[in-house]
Protein backbone atom coordinates (compact mmCIF):
# COMPACT_ATOMS: atom_id res chain seq x y z
CA MET A 1 9.54 -60.95 38.90
CA THR A 2 8.94 -62.55 42.29
CA ILE A 3 11.26 -65.25 43.50
CA ALA A 4 9.84 -67.56 46.11
CA PHE A 5 12.04 -69.54 48.44
CA PRO A 6 11.88 -70.24 52.13
CA SER A 7 13.24 -67.88 54.71
CA VAL A 8 16.34 -68.76 56.64
CA SER A 9 14.14 -69.96 59.50
CA PHE A 10 13.99 -73.37 57.79
CA THR A 11 10.33 -73.78 58.56
CA ARG A 12 8.54 -75.82 55.95
CA HIS A 13 7.44 -73.44 53.24
CA PRO A 14 5.07 -75.19 50.86
CA ILE A 15 5.18 -73.64 47.42
CA ASP A 16 2.51 -74.49 44.90
CA LEU A 17 4.72 -75.28 41.91
CA GLU A 18 1.77 -75.05 39.54
CA ALA A 19 0.61 -71.65 40.78
CA ASP A 20 4.12 -70.18 41.17
CA PRO A 21 6.30 -71.38 38.32
CA LEU A 22 9.12 -68.96 39.18
CA ASN A 23 11.11 -70.48 41.99
CA PRO A 24 14.79 -71.40 42.35
CA TYR A 25 14.12 -75.14 42.19
CA LYS A 26 12.49 -74.82 38.78
CA GLU A 27 14.98 -72.22 37.57
CA LEU A 28 17.86 -74.57 38.44
CA GLY A 29 16.22 -77.28 36.35
CA GLY A 30 14.64 -79.33 39.12
CA GLU A 31 16.36 -82.10 41.00
CA MET A 32 19.11 -82.58 38.40
CA GLY A 33 20.02 -78.88 38.59
CA VAL A 34 20.06 -78.95 42.39
CA ARG A 35 22.33 -82.00 42.30
CA ALA A 36 24.66 -80.20 39.87
CA LEU A 37 24.82 -77.22 42.25
CA VAL A 38 25.59 -79.48 45.21
CA ASP A 39 28.23 -81.44 43.27
CA ARG A 40 29.94 -78.20 42.23
CA PHE A 41 29.77 -76.92 45.82
CA TYR A 42 31.42 -80.05 47.24
CA ASP A 43 34.00 -80.13 44.43
CA LEU A 44 34.98 -76.57 45.34
CA MET A 45 34.99 -77.33 49.06
CA ASP A 46 37.13 -80.40 48.42
CA THR A 47 39.78 -78.47 46.48
CA SER A 48 39.82 -74.99 48.02
CA THR A 49 42.60 -74.41 50.54
CA GLY A 50 40.39 -71.70 52.09
CA ALA A 51 37.77 -74.35 52.85
CA ALA A 52 40.14 -76.83 54.52
CA ALA A 53 38.59 -76.34 57.97
CA ILE A 54 35.07 -77.02 56.76
CA ARG A 55 36.24 -79.94 54.62
CA ALA A 56 37.84 -81.48 57.71
CA MET A 57 34.39 -81.58 59.37
CA HIS A 58 33.21 -84.06 56.73
CA GLN A 59 33.90 -87.73 56.13
CA PRO A 60 36.55 -88.50 53.49
CA ASP A 61 33.82 -89.81 51.15
CA LEU A 62 31.35 -87.02 50.41
CA ALA A 63 28.77 -89.22 48.64
CA GLU A 64 26.29 -89.29 51.54
CA MET A 65 26.61 -85.54 52.16
CA ARG A 66 26.09 -84.81 48.47
CA GLU A 67 22.92 -86.90 48.55
CA ARG A 68 21.54 -85.41 51.76
CA LEU A 69 22.25 -81.79 50.83
CA SER A 70 20.72 -82.35 47.39
CA LEU A 71 17.55 -83.76 48.92
CA PHE A 72 17.38 -80.96 51.49
CA LEU A 73 17.93 -78.19 48.96
CA CYS A 74 15.26 -79.56 46.63
CA GLY A 75 12.66 -78.74 49.27
CA TRP A 76 14.33 -75.57 50.56
CA LEU A 77 14.48 -74.14 47.04
CA GLY A 78 10.78 -74.71 46.39
CA GLY A 79 10.65 -78.25 45.06
CA PRO A 80 9.47 -81.51 46.58
CA GLN A 81 10.34 -82.15 50.24
CA LEU A 82 12.58 -85.13 49.42
CA HIS A 83 14.75 -84.92 52.53
CA THR A 84 11.79 -84.61 54.88
CA ASP A 85 10.01 -87.48 53.12
CA ARG A 86 13.04 -89.76 53.50
CA TYR A 87 14.57 -88.67 56.83
CA GLY A 88 11.92 -86.59 58.55
CA PRO A 89 12.21 -82.91 59.48
CA ILE A 90 15.53 -81.53 60.70
CA CYS A 91 16.70 -78.55 62.71
CA MET A 92 19.76 -77.09 61.00
CA ARG A 93 21.27 -75.78 64.23
CA THR A 94 20.90 -79.15 65.94
CA VAL A 95 22.46 -81.00 63.00
CA HIS A 96 25.45 -78.65 63.00
CA ALA A 97 25.80 -78.27 66.80
CA PRO A 98 28.49 -80.97 67.18
CA PHE A 99 30.82 -78.96 64.94
CA GLU A 100 32.71 -75.86 65.99
CA ILE A 101 31.71 -73.36 63.32
CA ASP A 102 33.27 -69.93 63.56
CA ALA A 103 32.73 -66.95 61.29
CA ARG A 104 35.72 -67.87 59.14
CA THR A 105 34.34 -71.38 58.56
CA GLY A 106 30.92 -69.96 57.75
CA ASP A 107 32.50 -67.54 55.29
CA ALA A 108 34.38 -70.39 53.60
CA TRP A 109 31.13 -72.34 53.21
CA SER A 110 29.44 -69.25 51.77
CA ARG A 111 32.28 -68.66 49.30
CA CYS A 112 32.10 -72.23 48.02
CA MET A 113 28.33 -72.00 47.59
CA SER A 114 28.58 -68.56 45.98
CA ASP A 115 31.17 -69.85 43.51
CA ALA A 116 29.01 -72.90 42.79
CA LEU A 117 26.04 -70.62 42.06
CA GLU A 118 28.15 -68.81 39.45
CA ASP A 119 28.31 -72.03 37.45
CA CYS A 120 24.52 -72.47 37.41
CA ALA A 121 22.20 -71.27 34.68
CA LEU A 122 20.34 -68.79 36.87
CA GLY A 123 19.10 -65.28 36.38
CA GLU A 124 21.11 -62.66 38.25
CA THR A 125 18.16 -61.81 40.51
CA THR A 126 17.80 -65.43 41.60
CA ARG A 127 21.56 -65.88 42.01
CA ASP A 128 21.82 -62.78 44.20
CA ALA A 129 18.81 -63.79 46.30
CA LEU A 130 20.23 -67.28 46.83
CA ARG A 131 23.68 -65.94 47.62
CA THR A 132 22.11 -63.73 50.31
CA ALA A 133 20.00 -66.59 51.71
CA PHE A 134 22.96 -69.00 51.82
CA THR A 135 25.19 -66.38 53.47
CA ARG A 136 22.55 -65.72 56.13
CA THR A 137 22.20 -69.44 56.66
CA ALA A 138 25.94 -69.89 57.15
CA SER A 139 25.98 -66.96 59.60
CA MET A 140 23.07 -68.45 61.54
CA LEU A 141 25.01 -71.69 62.02
CA VAL A 142 28.06 -70.01 63.57
CA ASN A 143 28.31 -71.43 67.07
CA ALA A 144 31.88 -70.55 68.06
CA LYS A 145 33.61 -67.29 68.80
CA ARG A 146 36.49 -66.02 66.77
CA PRO A 147 39.92 -67.34 67.69
CA GLU A 148 41.75 -65.08 70.15
CA ALA A 149 44.26 -64.05 67.49
CA LEU A 150 41.49 -62.56 65.37
CA LYS A 151 39.66 -60.67 68.12
CA PRO A 152 40.04 -56.90 67.98
CA GLN A 153 42.30 -55.50 70.64
CA ALA A 154 40.45 -53.89 73.52
CA ARG A 155 40.98 -50.16 73.58
CA ARG A 156 42.51 -48.59 76.64
CA THR A 157 40.29 -46.08 78.41
CA GLY A 158 42.68 -43.29 77.49
CA ASP A 159 42.33 -44.15 73.78
CA LEU A 160 38.61 -43.42 73.66
CA GLY A 161 37.70 -40.51 71.46
CA LYS A 162 40.99 -40.57 69.55
């Protein structure tokens, strides 16, 4: 089975839904399934203490973010380009540039999305492929270094080889 979804580059990847019926958008159940995934993701982000830093980057009311991510993911997962049609094309790095995203924040985002995928009616192959794609996406958006407290200690010259 071949699963078609765009690469992490976020370039527009037109998928002929008639010629390629196996894609994540269709497997999720179309727009309603994508919206269910996004709602579960934001519910998890809203309640997970491990996601507090990423939750703090959002407005108190998540309605607009739920809508925009749903529209974006419809196209990214192989469905209609709803976000592009409504808002025009976006650059993910530019959209996220105002926020300090470190590896820990990216990991928290990935965990919420991974947990949300577990609640979707997806085949294991699709779920694993999406988990990988979302994790790569979160890693790509990291724009801040680790806090000093988490950096590995520099080794002294005399410690080399031990």
